[in-house]
Each structure stands twice: as C-alpha cells, then as structure tokens.
C-alpha cells in the first residue's frame, strides 16, 4: 500500500480536535465564566418567560476566537445557548463547522450540533447527523454515522470518538476507509497522537490491487512506519499467502517478519513454507524461514516434504522461485527420500541439487555420490543423477539382511515412472554385483565389469541387466557366496538415517 491510512487518521485527528473546539461557546478562564459576545442580530428581544435573549436575523456571536453565524438563537441567562438555521462556526481562516441546530449546556458542559453537520478543514470534510462534545472531559462523539472525505480518502463509520486526555481518536462499528490504492474495513480503529500509532481492534481487512491483509488485532507506528498484525493474521498477494500468529513490517527497510505457526503458500507452484520464524525482504523478494522450517510441494498424487535448519525462498520471476536449504537437510516423498547438508531447488529447471554427503532412497534402494541431482517433474520425481563416486545399493532379499545388490560407476542416472524406479544407467567404469533370482529365490552372485550398464526394475526389484562394451562377468553359486563379504569398494548402508514419514521430519507437523 503506497499511501497508508494512518496518514488520513492523523489529519482526521487535528481536524476533529480543531473543529470540536469551536463548539465550546464558553470556557472558564481564571475561574470565571467568559460570556458570549453578541456582535450582530437583526432583531434583539428579551423573553422574561424563558429568561433568554431572543436573537433573529443574521445572528453573529463570538467567543474565544470562534465566530458563529445562524438565522436565530436563544441566549439563556442560565448559560445555555440554542442556535437555529444555517449555523456556521469559523475559527481562524482554516476551520469551518456547519449545521442546522446548536445546543450548549453550561451546567453539563455538553455541546451538540444537529442536522446536516459538516466540519471542514482545508481539503477535509466530516459529515454526520449529530455531533456532541463533552467540554469538561474533552470528549467528542458521533453515534449516527459519519463520513470523512479528503482529496484521496473517504472514511465511514457508525460511531466516532475523540478523547483529548489520552490523545486518542476512535472509529467504531462498520469502519470503512476507501483510497484509490486500497480499501480498509474493520470493527474498531484507534489512533493515538502521542505515539502516533494506529490500532486495529477486532476483525480488520485491508485490500489493495496488489495484496490483501486480514487481522483481528494490530498496530501501525506512523512516525517510524512500523506495523504489527496478530490474531489470525493473513497477507495475500497474487502469487502467495502468508499467515502467522503475528506479522510485523518495517516499511522504511522493506522488511517483514512473521512469528509462530507460519505458513507461506505459493499458489502458482502449489508449494507451502512452514516455520516459527520468517523474515521477508520486499525489495529483493527473498524470504528466510527457520525454527521447524519445512517446505512442501504438492503433486497430483503425492507431496514432497523438505526440512532444514534454515530455508531461503526467492522469487526468480512472477512464476518461478528458488529454494535453498542449509544444514541437516531431509526430505520425504512416498517414492523418494533423502538427506544432505545443503540443497538448492529451482522451479525453472525443476532440479534439486544436493551437496555434502548426499543420500537418496527409493523403495528398497539407496544412492550416494559426491553430488546428487534430483529432477522433480510436474507430476512427481522424474529422475536422479549421481556425479563422482556414484554408488547404488539395494536389498536383494527382505529375508536376508546382508544381501545387497550394488552398482557403481562414473555417472549414474535413475529414472522413475508412476512413482516407481524403472531404470538405472551407468556410464564409465561400470561395476555391478547382484544376486540373480529364480522367481523369488536367490540362485547366486554375479559380479561384472564393463564400460556401461543398464538395469531395468520391476516392482522395485532387479528385472534385467544389460552389460555394454567388453563386459567381464563372474557368477558364483549361492552355496559358495560369503554374503557378509560380498561388497564393492565404497559400499555403505545408511538405512538408519532414512526419513520414514513426514512426521519423522517434524514430529508434530500438521497441514
């Protein structure tokens, strides 16, 4: 919002304070009541029956620098004044108050303007049917609806109050502020002139062409341009939705922060960021999320859940974004799981780059390498590639704990279809050690070396192996196999580190 409503409220305050002061047609000075000065009246009569001066025709009265004009008036001996018809009150050269009727009671120190009341200061106009002012307590009120209009803004509310002692102006019930750039609706809106802060009490909505804000409690420091929204706080933009227990925003720095139960929803990419602390840098379009941070990407049949100590989210353009995860990275998807120290995922090329001791698991298999890239397609995992020291391990038989099929080579790529691994290709220095089966029974151990290898899978198990370019192969009968020593160089089994569900990432996670 380029022109916040707090600027309007500040102007309203000075307007109301000045215009209400004109309703004080008498005040006390040095303990004495200062009488109203009659400057002009077409007809002047004294009515003994009601103990009042009757003023008729072009009546002009003055008091404490304020000048009142009306068609007729009663000036009572009991310090009461009634004025009728075309009332105008002028203070200096900038404040004008109009109405059809004015009543002031010196005993109760209450002033009331009725009928088409208008208060004008420069380019601002307040209209209301009835306006009252408690002179003793310096409280001004309207209860029958009021509208304030200036060059760019229109504020409407059922009730309005100004409390001079606390320097607070309040608008209550059906509050609506309309500006060319935004619209605000709420139940109660307060403004304090001492600390120059606006307060939202009750459900409030701020709508602009670019965003939508909802909260049930909040404040805005107009001098320092800082704000906070709480109680079901929600910020909605064209591409994103941000919720949290509380949201803060520093307009000068362009930095927003969210605390506790944070949810940043990217509607374009069907993804959500969760956490307990988030920091958003508006100019760079970047967000940092920590404390139980989690990124969730939704697919048609499944979702990808990713956690780390710290998550960075950056908008690349109006459609794509970049996710960076640092330290203790874990992710879970039904068909693929993984861990590493750091990770980068861009929706531009749908590649997830894993660094520093990366490991991925798919069904019965595990893959390790110096670098692992995972291709995340529109409908799920498409493939993964292993670069430098790539190694794939798979349990050969669920009943034999230490029997592992193993693949290693220079470059390894695994392909998925319908959420299941279907093929692995190995190019360069390929080695494979695997247990051929007769239906479900292991019949031996095959060890092969060649340039390239292709392995096809069926229901997660080895189905067919192709050895390409000068293969060297040896098969050992099962009775002669030492299962515990059947290992290729570089073998490791990290099953204990495997994420088993989204709850294993964040135990109390709910979405």
Protein backbone atom coordinates (compact mmCIF):
# COMPACT_ATOMS: atom_id res chain seq x y z
CA UNK A 1 0.00 0.00 0.00
CA UNK A 2 1.70 3.15 -1.17
CA UNK A 3 -0.36 5.66 0.85
CA UNK A 4 -1.26 4.12 4.25
CA UNK A 5 -4.46 5.08 6.00
CA UNK A 6 -2.56 6.25 9.12
CA UNK A 7 -1.79 9.49 7.22
CA UNK A 8 -5.53 10.05 6.89
CA UNK A 9 -6.10 9.36 10.60
CA UNK A 10 -3.50 11.90 11.63
CA UNK A 11 -5.24 14.55 9.56
CA UNK A 12 -8.63 13.48 10.94
CA UNK A 13 -7.39 13.93 14.48
CA UNK A 14 -6.24 17.51 14.03
CA UNK A 15 -9.43 18.27 12.13
CA UNK A 16 -11.71 16.91 14.84
CA UNK A 17 -9.72 18.49 17.65
CA UNK A 18 -9.88 21.87 16.00
CA UNK A 19 -13.50 21.74 14.87
CA UNK A 20 -14.86 20.41 18.14
CA UNK A 21 -13.13 23.24 19.96
CA UNK A 22 -15.38 25.64 18.07
CA UNK A 23 -18.42 24.13 19.80
CA UNK A 24 -17.12 25.49 23.13
CA UNK A 25 -19.06 28.74 23.06
CA UNK A 26 -17.83 29.43 26.56
CA UNK A 27 -14.92 28.26 28.70
CA UNK A 28 -13.59 29.09 32.14
CA UNK A 29 -10.68 31.49 32.41
CA UNK A 30 -9.07 32.15 35.80
CA UNK A 31 -12.11 30.57 37.47
CA UNK A 32 -14.59 32.90 35.75
CA UNK A 33 -17.06 32.04 33.01
CA UNK A 34 -16.44 34.04 29.87
CA UNK A 35 -19.68 35.22 28.33
CA UNK A 36 -20.63 35.00 24.69
CA UNK A 37 -20.32 38.23 22.73
CA UNK A 38 -23.26 39.21 20.54
CA UNK A 39 -21.86 41.02 17.54
CA UNK A 40 -24.98 41.34 15.42
CA UNK A 41 -28.67 40.41 15.27
CA UNK A 42 -31.42 41.85 13.04
CA UNK A 43 -33.87 41.61 15.97
CA UNK A 44 -32.92 41.58 19.66
CA UNK A 45 -35.52 40.77 22.29
CA UNK A 46 -35.51 39.61 25.87
CA UNK A 47 -38.09 37.00 26.79
CA UNK A 48 -38.73 37.08 30.54
CA UNK A 49 -40.84 33.95 30.34
CA UNK A 50 -37.85 31.81 29.42
CA UNK A 51 -35.14 34.16 30.77
CA UNK A 52 -33.36 34.38 27.43
CA UNK A 53 -32.26 36.84 24.81
CA UNK A 54 -34.02 36.15 21.51
CA UNK A 55 -31.78 36.87 18.50
CA UNK A 56 -33.29 36.85 15.00
CA UNK A 57 -31.82 37.50 11.54
CA UNK A 58 -28.17 37.36 10.55
CA UNK A 59 -27.09 36.49 14.07
CA UNK A 60 -23.35 36.71 14.77
CA UNK A 61 -21.83 35.66 18.08
CA UNK A 62 -18.18 35.36 19.05
CA UNK A 63 -16.30 33.53 21.77
CA UNK A 64 -12.66 32.69 22.34
CA UNK A 65 -11.63 33.42 18.76
CA UNK A 66 -14.54 31.47 17.23
CA UNK A 67 -17.28 33.25 15.29
CA UNK A 68 -20.79 31.74 14.92
CA UNK A 69 -23.40 32.73 12.37
CA UNK A 70 -27.03 31.50 12.37
CA UNK A 71 -30.56 32.54 11.46
CA UNK A 72 -31.79 32.75 15.06
CA UNK A 73 -30.73 31.88 18.61
CA UNK A 74 -31.73 31.85 22.28
CA UNK A 75 -29.04 33.00 24.70
CA UNK A 76 -30.30 31.93 28.14
CA UNK A 77 -29.40 33.58 31.43
CA UNK A 78 -28.63 30.06 32.71
CA UNK A 79 -25.60 29.81 30.45
CA UNK A 80 -27.36 27.81 27.77
CA UNK A 81 -27.44 28.58 24.10
CA UNK A 82 -29.69 27.32 21.32
CA UNK A 83 -28.99 28.31 17.72
CA UNK A 84 -31.08 27.52 14.62
CA UNK A 85 -30.76 27.60 10.84
CA UNK A 86 -27.68 27.88 8.64
CA UNK A 87 -25.26 27.58 11.53
CA UNK A 88 -21.63 28.19 10.72
CA UNK A 89 -18.71 28.33 13.13
CA UNK A 90 -15.39 29.70 11.95
CA UNK A 91 -12.06 29.50 13.77
CA UNK A 92 -9.19 31.42 12.18
CA UNK A 93 -9.06 31.03 8.43
CA UNK A 94 -8.99 27.24 8.12
CA UNK A 95 -11.72 25.55 10.23
CA UNK A 96 -15.44 25.74 9.38
CA UNK A 97 -18.33 23.92 11.07
CA UNK A 98 -21.90 23.90 9.72
CA UNK A 99 -25.24 22.55 10.95
CA UNK A 100 -28.95 23.21 11.34
CA UNK A 101 -29.06 23.40 15.13
CA UNK A 102 -26.65 24.00 18.02
CA UNK A 103 -27.28 23.42 21.74
CA UNK A 104 -24.83 24.13 24.54
CA UNK A 105 -25.49 23.39 28.24
CA UNK A 106 -23.11 25.21 30.56
CA UNK A 107 -24.09 23.05 33.56
CA UNK A 108 -23.28 19.71 31.96
CA UNK A 109 -20.71 21.28 29.66
CA UNK A 110 -22.11 19.42 26.66
CA UNK A 111 -22.35 20.92 23.16
CA UNK A 112 -24.46 19.35 20.41
CA UNK A 113 -24.66 20.15 16.71
CA UNK A 114 -27.58 18.59 14.80
CA UNK A 115 -28.82 18.37 11.22
CA UNK A 116 -26.50 18.14 8.22
CA UNK A 117 -23.42 18.69 10.34
CA UNK A 118 -20.29 19.41 8.31
CA UNK A 119 -16.82 20.12 9.65
CA UNK A 120 -14.33 21.41 7.09
CA UNK A 121 -10.59 21.99 7.41
CA UNK A 122 -8.69 22.70 4.21
CA UNK A 123 -9.44 19.74 1.89
CA UNK A 124 -11.14 17.59 4.57
CA UNK A 125 -14.88 17.39 5.26
CA UNK A 126 -16.62 15.43 8.04
CA UNK A 127 -20.39 14.97 7.73
CA UNK A 128 -22.67 13.48 10.40
CA UNK A 129 -26.28 13.98 11.56
CA UNK A 130 -25.34 14.76 15.19
CA UNK A 131 -22.03 15.79 16.76
CA UNK A 132 -21.59 16.12 20.56
CA UNK A 133 -18.73 17.49 22.63
CA UNK A 134 -18.14 16.97 26.35
CA UNK A 135 -16.25 20.16 27.20
CA UNK A 136 -15.42 19.10 30.76
CA UNK A 137 -13.81 15.80 29.75
CA UNK A 138 -12.77 16.90 26.26
CA UNK A 139 -14.55 14.02 24.52
CA UNK A 140 -16.21 14.44 21.11
CA UNK A 141 -18.63 11.85 19.71
CA UNK A 142 -20.96 10.93 16.88
CA UNK A 143 -23.28 7.91 17.07
CA UNK A 144 -25.44 8.10 13.98
CA UNK A 145 -22.86 7.53 11.31
CA UNK A 146 -20.18 9.81 9.96
CA UNK A 147 -18.24 10.26 6.73
CA UNK A 148 -14.90 11.98 6.37
CA UNK A 149 -13.68 12.86 2.89
CA UNK A 150 -10.47 14.46 1.68
CA UNK A 151 -8.71 14.56 -1.67
CA UNK A 152 -7.83 10.86 -1.77
CA UNK A 153 -9.70 9.20 1.08
CA UNK A 154 -13.19 8.52 2.34
CA UNK A 155 -13.68 7.16 5.87
CA UNK A 156 -17.10 5.94 7.03
CA UNK A 157 -18.06 4.63 10.48
CA UNK A 158 -21.15 4.32 12.64
CA UNK A 159 -19.54 5.86 15.73
CA UNK A 160 -16.62 8.24 16.16
CA UNK A 161 -14.92 9.45 19.36
CA UNK A 162 -12.09 11.78 20.27
CA UNK A 163 -10.52 11.58 23.75
CA UNK A 164 -8.38 14.63 24.34
CA UNK A 165 -6.88 13.43 27.66
CA UNK A 166 -5.43 10.27 26.10
CA UNK A 167 -4.89 11.92 22.71
CA UNK A 168 -6.86 9.12 21.04
CA UNK A 169 -9.39 9.20 18.19
CA UNK A 170 -11.57 6.11 17.71
CA UNK A 171 -13.82 4.95 14.88
CA UNK A 172 -16.18 2.10 15.78
CA UNK A 173 -18.61 -0.23 14.02
CA UNK A 174 -18.66 -0.72 10.25
CA UNK A 175 -15.46 1.28 9.77
CA UNK A 176 -14.52 1.59 6.10
CA UNK A 177 -11.68 3.64 4.61
CA UNK A 178 -11.53 3.93 0.82
CA UNK A 179 -8.44 5.15 -1.05
CA UNK A 180 -7.66 4.90 -4.79
CA UNK A 181 -4.94 2.37 -3.94
CA UNK A 182 -6.60 0.34 -1.15
CA UNK A 183 -9.72 -0.18 0.95
CA UNK A 184 -9.80 -0.86 4.70
CA UNK A 185 -12.74 -2.39 6.60
CA UNK A 186 -12.87 -3.06 10.33
CA UNK A 187 -14.78 -3.06 13.57
CA UNK A 188 -12.70 -0.59 15.59
CA UNK A 189 -9.87 1.71 14.57
CA UNK A 190 -7.91 3.83 17.09
CA UNK A 191 -5.24 6.48 16.64
CA UNK A 192 -3.02 7.88 19.39
CA UNK A 193 -1.48 11.30 18.70
CA UNK A 194 1.19 11.00 21.40
CA UNK A 195 2.95 7.94 19.99
CA UNK A 196 1.47 8.47 16.50
CA UNK A 197 0.25 4.88 16.34
CA UNK A 198 -2.90 3.39 14.82
CA UNK A 199 -4.52 0.37 16.48
CA UNK A 200 -6.85 -2.26 14.94
CA UNK A 201 -9.26 -3.87 17.39
CA UNK A 202 -11.44 -6.66 16.08
CA UNK A 203 -11.56 -8.17 12.57
CA UNK A 204 -9.92 -5.82 10.04
CA UNK A 205 -9.32 -6.12 6.30
CA UNK A 206 -7.01 -4.01 4.10
CA UNK A 207 -7.36 -4.59 0.36
CA UNK A 208 -5.24 -3.13 -2.45
CA UNK A 209 -4.70 -4.11 -6.08
CA UNK A 210 -1.56 -6.00 -5.05
CA UNK A 211 -2.41 -7.54 -1.68
CA UNK A 212 -4.97 -8.32 0.99
CA UNK A 213 -4.34 -8.13 4.76
CA UNK A 214 -6.57 -9.58 7.48
CA UNK A 215 -6.03 -9.41 11.24
CA UNK A 216 -8.04 -9.24 14.44
CA UNK A 217 -5.54 -7.13 16.35
CA UNK A 218 -2.68 -4.91 15.29
CA UNK A 219 -0.98 -1.52 15.27
CA UNK A 220 0.88 0.86 12.94
CA UNK A 221 3.58 3.29 14.16
CA UNK A 222 3.05 6.11 11.66
CA UNK A 223 6.21 8.04 12.56
CA UNK A 224 8.63 5.12 12.22
CA UNK A 225 6.49 3.31 9.61
CA UNK A 226 6.46 0.04 11.53
CA UNK A 227 3.44 -2.22 11.97
CA UNK A 228 2.28 -5.46 13.55
CA UNK A 229 -0.74 -7.64 12.80
CA UNK A 230 -1.86 -10.51 15.02
CA UNK A 231 -4.73 -12.88 15.80
CA UNK A 232 -5.27 -14.90 12.61
CA UNK A 233 -3.01 -12.53 10.67
CA UNK A 234 -3.11 -13.13 6.91
CA UNK A 235 -1.34 -11.46 3.97
CA UNK A 236 -2.45 -12.44 0.46
CA UNK A 237 -0.74 -11.40 -2.80
CA UNK A 238 -1.39 -12.54 -6.37
CA UNK A 239 1.02 -15.47 -6.02
CA UNK A 240 1.34 -16.01 -2.27
CA UNK A 241 -0.48 -16.23 1.06
CA UNK A 242 1.31 -15.61 4.38
CA UNK A 243 -0.17 -16.45 7.77
CA UNK A 244 1.26 -16.48 11.28
CA UNK A 245 0.42 -15.82 14.91
CA UNK A 246 1.81 -12.32 14.31
CA UNK A 247 3.26 -10.36 11.39
CA UNK A 248 5.48 -7.26 11.60
CA UNK A 249 6.55 -4.90 8.84
CA UNK A 250 9.18 -2.13 8.66
CA UNK A 251 8.17 -0.02 5.69
CA UNK A 252 11.38 2.04 5.56
CA UNK A 253 13.58 -1.05 5.37
CA UNK A 254 11.07 -3.09 3.39
CA UNK A 255 11.45 -6.00 5.83
CA UNK A 256 8.58 -8.10 7.17
CA UNK A 257 8.75 -10.73 9.90
CA UNK A 258 6.33 -13.47 10.91
CA UNK A 259 6.29 -15.42 14.17
CA UNK A 260 4.89 -18.81 15.21
CA UNK A 261 2.83 -21.18 13.07
CA UNK A 262 3.97 -19.53 9.84
CA UNK A 263 2.57 -20.65 6.52
CA UNK A 264 3.74 -19.10 3.23
CA UNK A 265 1.64 -20.52 0.39
CA UNK A 266 2.82 -20.20 -3.22
CA UNK A 267 -0.36 -20.70 -5.24
CA UNK A 268 1.47 -20.65 -8.58
CA UNK A 269 3.81 -23.54 -7.77
CA UNK A 270 1.49 -25.36 -5.35
CA UNK A 271 4.01 -25.12 -2.53
CA UNK A 272 3.99 -24.08 1.14
CA UNK A 273 6.71 -22.89 3.55
CA UNK A 274 6.16 -23.60 7.26
CA UNK A 275 8.11 -22.48 10.31
CA UNK A 276 8.09 -20.50 13.54
CA UNK A 277 10.11 -17.53 12.27
CA UNK A 278 10.20 -15.90 8.84
CA UNK A 279 11.89 -12.79 7.53
CA UNK A 280 10.85 -11.28 4.20
CA UNK A 281 12.91 -8.73 2.23
CA UNK A 282 10.50 -6.99 -0.10
CA UNK A 283 12.99 -5.29 -2.44
CA UNK A 284 14.92 -8.49 -3.17
CA UNK A 285 11.78 -10.64 -2.98
CA UNK A 286 13.53 -13.04 -0.59
CA UNK A 287 12.31 -14.88 2.48
CA UNK A 288 14.19 -16.71 5.25
CA UNK A 289 12.42 -19.33 7.39
CA UNK A 290 13.86 -21.00 10.50
CA UNK A 291 12.67 -22.88 13.59
CA UNK A 292 10.90 -26.06 12.49
CA UNK A 293 11.23 -24.88 8.89
CA UNK A 294 9.56 -27.05 6.25
CA UNK A 295 8.93 -26.72 2.50
CA UNK A 296 6.05 -28.70 0.97
CA UNK A 297 5.49 -29.10 -2.78
CA UNK A 298 2.16 -30.64 -3.79
CA UNK A 299 1.76 -33.04 -6.71
CA UNK A 300 -1.33 -34.73 -8.10
CA UNK A 301 -0.94 -37.92 -6.08
CA UNK A 302 1.69 -37.04 -3.51
CA UNK A 303 3.67 -34.25 -1.82
CA UNK A 304 7.36 -33.53 -1.26
CA UNK A 305 8.27 -32.55 2.34
CA UNK A 306 11.65 -30.87 2.92
CA UNK A 307 13.16 -29.62 6.20
CA UNK A 308 16.40 -27.91 7.24
CA UNK A 309 17.74 -25.62 9.93
CA UNK A 310 17.22 -22.69 7.55
CA UNK A 311 15.24 -22.31 4.33
CA UNK A 312 15.63 -19.45 1.86
CA UNK A 313 12.86 -18.65 -0.65
CA UNK A 314 13.48 -16.26 -3.54
CA UNK A 315 11.14 -15.23 -6.36
CA UNK A 316 13.00 -15.51 -9.65
CA UNK A 317 10.10 -14.08 -11.65
CA UNK A 318 6.31 -13.97 -11.43
CA UNK A 319 6.11 -17.75 -11.94
CA UNK A 320 9.32 -19.37 -10.68
CA UNK A 321 11.19 -19.41 -7.40
CA UNK A 322 14.33 -20.78 -5.80
CA UNK A 323 14.55 -22.74 -2.55
CA UNK A 324 17.84 -23.07 -0.68
CA UNK A 325 18.17 -25.30 2.38
CA UNK A 326 21.09 -25.27 4.79
CA UNK A 327 22.23 -27.81 7.36
CA UNK A 328 20.54 -31.02 8.43
CA UNK A 329 18.52 -31.20 5.22
CA UNK A 330 15.97 -34.00 4.97
CA UNK A 331 13.16 -34.64 2.54
CA UNK A 332 10.39 -37.20 2.24
CA UNK A 333 8.19 -38.28 -0.65
CA UNK A 334 6.47 -41.64 -0.98
CA UNK A 335 8.76 -42.69 -3.85
CA UNK A 336 11.97 -40.88 -2.79
CA UNK A 337 13.65 -39.76 0.43
CA UNK A 338 16.94 -38.00 1.05
CA UNK A 339 19.39 -36.29 3.41
CA UNK A 340 22.33 -33.92 2.87
CA UNK A 341 23.94 -30.84 4.39
CA UNK A 342 22.68 -28.30 1.85
CA UNK A 343 20.33 -28.21 -1.11
CA UNK A 344 19.11 -25.87 -3.87
CA UNK A 345 15.86 -26.35 -5.77
CA UNK A 346 14.73 -24.16 -8.67
CA UNK A 347 11.33 -24.41 -10.33
CA UNK A 348 12.87 -23.04 -13.55
CA UNK A 349 14.57 -26.35 -14.41
CA UNK A 350 12.87 -28.44 -11.69
CA UNK A 351 16.29 -29.61 -10.45
CA UNK A 352 17.11 -30.30 -6.83
CA UNK A 353 20.88 -30.06 -6.26
CA UNK A 354 22.17 -31.89 -3.16
CA UNK A 355 25.59 -31.15 -1.62
CA UNK A 356 27.87 -32.57 1.11
CA UNK A 357 27.28 -36.24 1.88
CA UNK A 358 24.00 -36.53 -0.07
CA UNK A 359 21.97 -39.74 0.16
CA UNK A 360 18.71 -40.65 -1.54
CA UNK A 361 16.48 -43.70 -1.05
CA UNK A 362 13.89 -45.14 -3.44
CA UNK A 363 11.84 -48.18 -2.47
CA UNK A 364 14.44 -50.84 -1.49
CA UNK A 365 17.42 -48.90 -2.83
CA UNK A 366 19.92 -46.29 -1.68
CA UNK A 367 22.11 -43.95 -3.77
CA UNK A 368 25.19 -41.95 -2.74
CA UNK A 369 27.67 -39.70 -4.56
CA UNK A 370 29.66 -36.53 -4.13
CA UNK A 371 26.83 -34.64 -5.88
CA UNK A 372 23.24 -35.74 -6.46
CA UNK A 373 20.70 -34.01 -8.68
CA UNK A 374 17.01 -34.88 -8.49
CA UNK A 375 14.68 -33.84 -11.32
CA UNK A 376 11.24 -33.01 -9.93
CA UNK A 377 8.68 -33.09 -12.74
CA UNK A 378 5.20 -31.59 -12.69
CA UNK A 379 3.65 -34.84 -11.51
CA UNK A 380 6.43 -36.13 -9.26
CA UNK A 381 10.04 -37.33 -9.30
CA UNK A 382 11.31 -37.82 -12.85
CA UNK A 383 14.91 -38.91 -12.31
CA UNK A 384 18.09 -38.60 -10.24
CA UNK A 385 21.73 -38.40 -11.30
CA UNK A 386 24.88 -39.29 -9.34
CA UNK A 387 28.13 -37.49 -10.13
CA UNK A 388 31.55 -38.59 -8.78
CA UNK A 389 31.75 -41.76 -6.72
CA UNK A 390 28.18 -42.73 -7.51
CA UNK A 391 27.01 -45.85 -5.69
CA UNK A 392 23.61 -47.58 -5.69
CA UNK A 393 22.73 -50.26 -3.11
CA UNK A 394 19.57 -52.35 -2.92
CA UNK A 395 18.46 -55.08 -0.57
CA UNK A 396 18.42 -58.24 -2.66
CA UNK A 397 16.09 -60.18 -0.35
CA UNK A 398 13.95 -58.95 2.51
CA UNK A 399 14.64 -62.16 4.43
CA UNK A 400 18.42 -61.92 4.13
CA UNK A 401 19.62 -58.77 5.86
CA UNK A 402 23.15 -58.57 4.47
CA UNK A 403 22.49 -59.47 0.84
CA UNK A 404 22.82 -56.30 -1.27
CA UNK A 405 22.73 -55.62 -5.00
CA UNK A 406 25.34 -52.95 -5.77
CA UNK A 407 26.09 -50.65 -8.70
CA UNK A 408 28.91 -48.13 -9.07
CA UNK A 409 30.37 -46.10 -11.91
CA UNK A 410 31.43 -42.70 -13.18
CA UNK A 411 27.97 -41.33 -13.97
CA UNK A 412 24.72 -42.93 -12.84
CA UNK A 413 21.16 -41.87 -13.72
CA UNK A 414 17.96 -43.38 -12.30
CA UNK A 415 14.57 -42.95 -13.99
CA UNK A 416 11.10 -43.05 -12.41
CA UNK A 417 7.69 -43.77 -13.84
CA UNK A 418 4.40 -43.72 -11.95
CA UNK A 419 6.28 -43.07 -8.68
CA UNK A 420 8.44 -46.19 -9.10
CA UNK A 421 12.06 -46.58 -10.22
CA UNK A 422 12.13 -48.22 -13.65
CA UNK A 423 15.70 -47.97 -14.96
CA UNK A 424 19.27 -47.14 -13.94
CA UNK A 425 22.00 -46.36 -16.47
CA UNK A 426 25.72 -46.38 -15.63
CA UNK A 427 28.27 -44.79 -17.97
CA UNK A 428 32.01 -45.15 -17.44
CA UNK A 429 33.88 -47.65 -15.24
CA UNK A 430 30.66 -49.52 -14.52
CA UNK A 431 30.60 -52.29 -11.93
CA UNK A 432 27.71 -54.36 -10.70
CA UNK A 433 27.37 -57.01 -8.04
CA UNK A 434 23.93 -58.56 -7.82
CA UNK A 435 22.02 -61.71 -6.89
CA UNK A 436 20.13 -63.30 -9.81
CA UNK A 437 16.80 -64.88 -8.81
CA UNK A 438 14.80 -67.90 -9.80
CA UNK A 439 11.40 -66.36 -9.20
CA UNK A 440 11.89 -65.31 -5.55
CA UNK A 441 14.93 -67.43 -4.59
CA UNK A 442 18.50 -66.16 -4.82
CA UNK A 443 20.50 -68.54 -7.05
CA UNK A 444 23.95 -66.99 -6.97
CA UNK A 445 26.07 -63.83 -7.04
CA UNK A 446 27.12 -62.11 -10.27
CA UNK A 447 29.98 -59.63 -10.42
CA UNK A 448 30.52 -57.77 -13.68
CA UNK A 449 32.77 -55.00 -15.01
CA UNK A 450 32.28 -53.12 -18.26
CA UNK A 451 32.04 -49.67 -19.75
CA UNK A 452 28.26 -49.15 -19.38
CA UNK A 453 25.41 -50.94 -17.63
CA UNK A 454 21.62 -50.65 -17.88
CA UNK A 455 19.42 -52.15 -15.15
CA UNK A 456 15.63 -52.46 -15.51
CA UNK A 457 13.39 -52.78 -12.47
CA UNK A 458 10.04 -54.43 -11.88
CA UNK A 459 8.10 -53.70 -8.69
CA UNK A 460 11.27 -52.29 -7.14
CA UNK A 461 13.46 -55.37 -7.84
CA UNK A 462 16.18 -56.03 -10.43
CA UNK A 463 14.42 -57.40 -13.51
CA UNK A 464 17.03 -57.34 -16.30
CA UNK A 465 20.69 -56.29 -16.57
CA UNK A 466 22.47 -55.28 -19.79
CA UNK A 467 26.29 -55.16 -19.86
CA UNK A 468 27.68 -52.94 -22.63
CA UNK A 469 31.20 -52.81 -24.13
CA UNK A 470 33.69 -55.53 -23.19
CA UNK A 471 31.98 -56.99 -20.16
CA UNK A 472 33.86 -59.21 -17.70
CA UNK A 473 31.46 -61.28 -15.66
CA UNK A 474 31.73 -63.98 -13.00
CA UNK A 475 28.80 -65.79 -11.34
CA UNK A 476 29.27 -67.66 -8.06
CA UNK A 477 26.74 -70.30 -6.95
CA UNK A 478 24.78 -69.31 -3.87
CA UNK A 479 26.27 -72.08 -1.75
CA UNK A 480 29.75 -70.62 -2.27
CA UNK A 481 28.82 -66.98 -1.58
CA UNK A 482 30.00 -65.22 1.60
CA UNK A 483 27.19 -62.70 1.89
CA UNK A 484 28.91 -60.57 4.54
CA UNK A 485 31.94 -60.05 2.31
CA UNK A 486 30.09 -59.52 -0.96
CA UNK A 487 30.84 -55.81 -1.25
CA UNK A 488 32.13 -53.46 -3.93
CA UNK A 489 34.66 -50.80 -2.95
CA UNK A 490 32.89 -47.77 -1.49
CA UNK A 491 29.93 -49.70 -0.09
CA UNK A 492 27.93 -48.12 2.77
CA UNK A 493 24.41 -48.76 4.04
CA UNK A 494 22.72 -45.77 5.75
CA UNK A 495 19.21 -47.11 6.31
CA UNK A 496 19.16 -45.79 9.89
CA UNK A 497 19.30 -42.22 8.52
CA UNK A 498 16.39 -42.68 6.13
CA UNK A 499 13.31 -40.48 6.72
CA UNK A 500 10.34 -42.83 7.06
CA UNK A 501 7.49 -40.29 7.00
CA UNK A 502 6.78 -36.56 7.06
CA UNK A 503 6.37 -36.87 10.84
CA UNK A 504 9.96 -38.07 11.07
CA UNK A 505 11.00 -34.67 9.70
CA UNK A 506 8.90 -32.57 12.11
CA UNK A 507 7.24 -34.83 14.72
CA UNK A 508 4.20 -32.63 15.40
CA UNK A 509 3.78 -31.38 11.84
CA UNK A 510 0.20 -30.76 10.70
CA UNK A 511 -1.08 -29.48 7.37
